[in-house]
Structures are given as structure tokens and as C-alpha cells.
């Protein structure tokens, strides 16, 4: 749960600790320091700053969340669960800023990765259906709502899906 700078500082500390341990012939401590360095190095690429960004995202501080998301240079190598949440946060931030093309792109990417649960995936599809509704593409709206119905578990999600379907049918007529 560190940002990029914090991880680099910790990695430097572990390397220094390993070098000092090697100098004093404490080989077990050097090995442990290098293992901790390796874990942080691996975690930097596989987890990034997604957890820090999610903390700010949940508090509706989208600027700070985006700052931490921007620290991730290569989101393609994040773990699947982190990548799904990364794309979900990116999409919602773009949606809040009324950048609908970017939001749709990130929601489509988020739909391909595992999220918290079925209901979360249903809400991603609901957002995609809303964006398709905005473009007046009733076939895509109905396709997204059909998939969302299969995944929706909350009454709120089902109610939203029903409303979107009504709007899509008005477009089709």
C-alpha cells in the first residue's frame, strides 16, 4: 500500500541493508533483505499504486486517485484483479469528467477482468449500456442489459436495468 516513491525508498533501504549485512558477513540477513527487495520489486509491477488510488477513489477524491493511477506506467502487467479495478476507476473518473469515449473504453476493458463480484460486473455492464444509450445504439444497449441481468444480484441493479431497457425500446420504435 505504498506509492511509487515509497516503494523505491523501501527498496533502496533493503538493498543498503543487504550490502551492510554482506559486509558484516550476516548472510541470512542479507538474503532476507534481498527477498524483501524482490517482493517489493514484484509488487511494484503486479500491484502498482491501485490500492492507494482506491482509497482516494472511495472518498471521491478523483484528482488524487488519478495521480496514483498515473504512477502505473504499464497497466497491462498488473494482476487481473488489480487491472479490473484499475480500469473501473479510470472509467469512473472519465465518466465524472464527461469524457464518454474514454469511459466506454475503460469500462469495456474492466468488463474483461474480474471485479469484486457479479454485481460489480453487472454495474460495469450497466454503465456500458448507459453509454450506448447516450449514442442511441439500442442493439448494444439491449445486449449489455441482457448480460447485466444475468449477473445482477441487487434490486437496485435490476431496477436500473429495467429502466434502461425501457429507454432502449423507445429508441428502437
Protein backbone atom coordinates (compact mmCIF):
# COMPACT_ATOMS: atom_id res chain seq x y z
CA UNK A 1 0.00 0.00 0.00
CA UNK A 2 2.75 2.38 -0.97
CA UNK A 3 3.03 4.84 -3.76
CA UNK A 4 5.83 4.65 -6.30
CA UNK A 5 8.25 6.83 -4.32
CA UNK A 6 7.61 4.97 -1.09
CA UNK A 7 8.30 1.62 -2.72
CA UNK A 8 11.55 2.90 -4.25
CA UNK A 9 12.71 4.26 -0.88
CA UNK A 10 11.95 0.92 0.78
CA UNK A 11 13.73 -0.97 -2.00
CA UNK A 12 16.80 1.23 -1.51
CA UNK A 13 16.71 0.61 2.25
CA UNK A 14 16.57 -3.16 1.68
CA UNK A 15 19.48 -3.04 -0.77
CA UNK A 16 21.55 -0.98 1.69
CA UNK A 17 20.62 -3.41 4.48
CA UNK A 18 21.69 -6.33 2.28
CA UNK A 19 25.02 -4.66 1.47
CA UNK A 20 25.69 -3.87 5.13
CA UNK A 21 24.74 -7.44 6.06
CA UNK A 22 27.11 -8.82 3.44
CA UNK A 23 29.89 -6.54 4.68
CA UNK A 24 29.39 -7.79 8.25
CA UNK A 25 29.11 -11.40 6.98
CA UNK A 26 25.49 -11.76 8.10
CA UNK A 27 24.41 -13.80 5.07
CA UNK A 28 20.95 -14.76 6.37
CA UNK A 29 20.06 -11.11 6.97
CA UNK A 30 21.37 -10.22 3.52
CA UNK A 31 19.21 -12.97 1.99
CA UNK A 32 16.12 -11.74 3.87
CA UNK A 33 16.79 -8.15 2.79
CA UNK A 34 17.15 -9.23 -0.83
CA UNK A 35 13.96 -11.30 -0.61
CA UNK A 36 12.08 -8.28 0.73
CA UNK A 37 13.57 -6.15 -2.05
CA UNK A 38 12.43 -8.77 -4.59
CA UNK A 39 8.92 -8.81 -3.15
CA UNK A 40 8.65 -5.02 -3.36
CA UNK A 41 10.04 -5.06 -6.89
CA UNK A 42 7.50 -7.70 -7.93
CA UNK A 43 4.69 -5.86 -6.15
CA UNK A 44 5.62 -2.62 -7.92
CA UNK A 45 4.79 -4.16 -11.28
CA UNK A 46 1.95 -6.51 -10.30
CA UNK A 47 0.01 -4.29 -7.89
CA UNK A 48 1.23 -0.76 -8.53
CA UNK A 49 -0.50 2.05 -6.69
CA UNK A 50 -4.02 0.73 -7.30
CA UNK A 51 -4.72 0.23 -3.60
CA UNK A 52 -3.65 3.80 -2.77
CA UNK A 53 -5.76 5.11 -5.65
CA UNK A 54 -8.78 3.11 -4.46
CA UNK A 55 -8.52 4.73 -1.03
CA UNK A 56 -8.93 8.17 -2.59
CA UNK A 57 -11.46 6.94 -5.15
CA UNK A 58 -13.78 5.66 -2.41
CA UNK A 59 -13.59 9.10 -0.76
CA UNK A 60 -14.49 10.76 -4.09
CA UNK A 61 -11.10 12.47 -4.33
CA UNK A 62 -10.74 11.76 -8.04
CA UNK A 63 -7.73 14.03 -8.60
CA UNK A 64 -5.65 12.19 -6.01
CA UNK A 65 -6.89 8.83 -7.27
CA UNK A 66 -5.89 9.75 -10.80
CA UNK A 67 -2.48 10.90 -9.58
CA UNK A 68 -1.82 7.45 -8.13
CA UNK A 69 -3.24 5.71 -11.19
CA UNK A 70 -0.90 7.77 -13.37
CA UNK A 71 2.05 6.28 -11.47
CA UNK A 72 1.31 2.97 -13.16
CA UNK A 73 3.30 3.04 -16.38
CA UNK A 74 2.28 -0.36 -17.71
CA UNK A 75 -1.21 -1.43 -16.57
CA UNK A 76 -1.10 -4.47 -18.86
CA UNK A 77 1.16 -6.32 -16.42
CA UNK A 78 -0.96 -5.72 -13.31
CA UNK A 79 -2.61 -8.80 -11.81
CA UNK A 80 -6.07 -9.50 -13.20
CA UNK A 81 -7.94 -8.26 -10.14
CA UNK A 82 -5.86 -5.11 -9.89
CA UNK A 83 -6.23 -4.47 -13.61
CA UNK A 84 -10.01 -4.78 -13.42
CA UNK A 85 -10.23 -2.29 -10.59
CA UNK A 86 -7.68 -0.01 -12.29
CA UNK A 87 -9.84 0.14 -15.43
CA UNK A 88 -13.01 0.56 -13.35
CA UNK A 89 -11.57 3.57 -11.53
CA UNK A 90 -10.22 5.06 -14.77
CA UNK A 91 -13.65 4.66 -16.37
CA UNK A 92 -15.50 6.28 -13.48
CA UNK A 93 -13.07 9.18 -13.36
CA UNK A 94 -13.53 9.72 -17.10
CA UNK A 95 -17.30 9.50 -16.63
CA UNK A 96 -17.21 12.12 -13.87
CA UNK A 97 -15.24 14.40 -16.22
CA UNK A 98 -17.74 13.73 -19.02
CA UNK A 99 -15.14 12.09 -21.25
CA UNK A 100 -17.55 9.44 -22.51
CA UNK A 101 -15.26 7.87 -25.13
CA UNK A 102 -12.52 7.19 -22.59
CA UNK A 103 -15.10 5.98 -20.07
CA UNK A 104 -16.52 3.50 -22.55
CA UNK A 105 -13.04 2.26 -23.45
CA UNK A 106 -12.09 1.68 -19.80
CA UNK A 107 -15.45 0.10 -18.91
CA UNK A 108 -15.03 -2.33 -21.81
CA UNK A 109 -11.59 -3.24 -20.52
CA UNK A 110 -12.92 -3.55 -16.95
CA UNK A 111 -15.64 -5.94 -18.14
CA UNK A 112 -12.95 -8.39 -19.27
CA UNK A 113 -11.32 -8.68 -15.84
CA UNK A 114 -12.61 -9.99 -12.52
CA UNK A 115 -14.02 -7.39 -10.17
CA UNK A 116 -15.37 -7.61 -6.63
CA UNK A 117 -18.34 -9.80 -7.52
CA UNK A 118 -21.10 -10.48 -10.02
CA UNK A 119 -23.00 -7.36 -9.03
CA UNK A 120 -19.92 -5.18 -9.64
CA UNK A 121 -19.56 -6.66 -13.11
CA UNK A 122 -23.27 -6.01 -13.66
CA UNK A 123 -22.75 -2.33 -12.83
CA UNK A 124 -19.91 -2.14 -15.35
CA UNK A 125 -22.31 -3.50 -17.97
CA UNK A 126 -24.98 -1.06 -16.82
CA UNK A 127 -22.54 1.80 -17.36
CA UNK A 128 -21.75 0.44 -20.83
CA UNK A 129 -25.47 0.22 -21.58
CA UNK A 130 -25.93 3.83 -20.45
CA UNK A 131 -23.08 4.96 -22.68
CA UNK A 132 -24.57 3.05 -25.61
CA UNK A 133 -27.93 4.63 -24.82
CA UNK A 134 -26.27 8.03 -24.98
CA UNK A 135 -25.10 7.09 -28.50
CA UNK A 136 -28.65 5.87 -29.33
CA UNK A 137 -27.42 2.35 -30.15
CA UNK A 138 -30.37 0.25 -28.97
CA UNK A 139 -28.91 -3.12 -30.07
CA UNK A 140 -25.81 -2.65 -27.93
CA UNK A 141 -27.92 -1.35 -25.06
CA UNK A 142 -30.08 -4.48 -25.12
CA UNK A 143 -27.02 -6.74 -25.41
CA UNK A 144 -25.38 -5.12 -22.38
CA UNK A 145 -28.57 -5.18 -20.30
CA UNK A 146 -29.16 -8.84 -21.17
CA UNK A 147 -25.72 -9.76 -19.83
CA UNK A 148 -26.16 -7.45 -16.84
CA UNK A 149 -29.46 -9.16 -15.94
CA UNK A 150 -27.64 -12.49 -15.65
CA UNK A 151 -25.13 -11.00 -13.20
CA UNK A 152 -27.26 -8.55 -11.22
CA UNK A 153 -28.00 -9.59 -7.67
CA UNK A 154 -29.23 -6.37 -6.08
CA UNK A 155 -32.71 -4.95 -6.55
CA UNK A 156 -31.19 -1.56 -7.38
CA UNK A 157 -29.23 -3.03 -10.31
CA UNK A 158 -32.31 -4.85 -11.62
CA UNK A 159 -34.37 -1.66 -11.38
CA UNK A 160 -31.74 0.32 -13.31
CA UNK A 161 -31.57 -2.39 -15.98
CA UNK A 162 -35.35 -2.29 -16.38
CA UNK A 163 -35.30 1.50 -16.81
CA UNK A 164 -32.51 1.30 -19.39
CA UNK A 165 -34.39 -1.38 -21.34
CA UNK A 166 -37.50 0.84 -21.43
CA UNK A 167 -35.42 3.71 -22.84
CA UNK A 168 -33.79 1.40 -25.40
CA UNK A 169 -37.18 0.13 -26.59
CA UNK A 170 -38.32 3.74 -27.05
CA UNK A 171 -35.26 4.28 -29.26
CA UNK A 172 -35.99 1.18 -31.31
CA UNK A 173 -39.56 2.34 -32.06
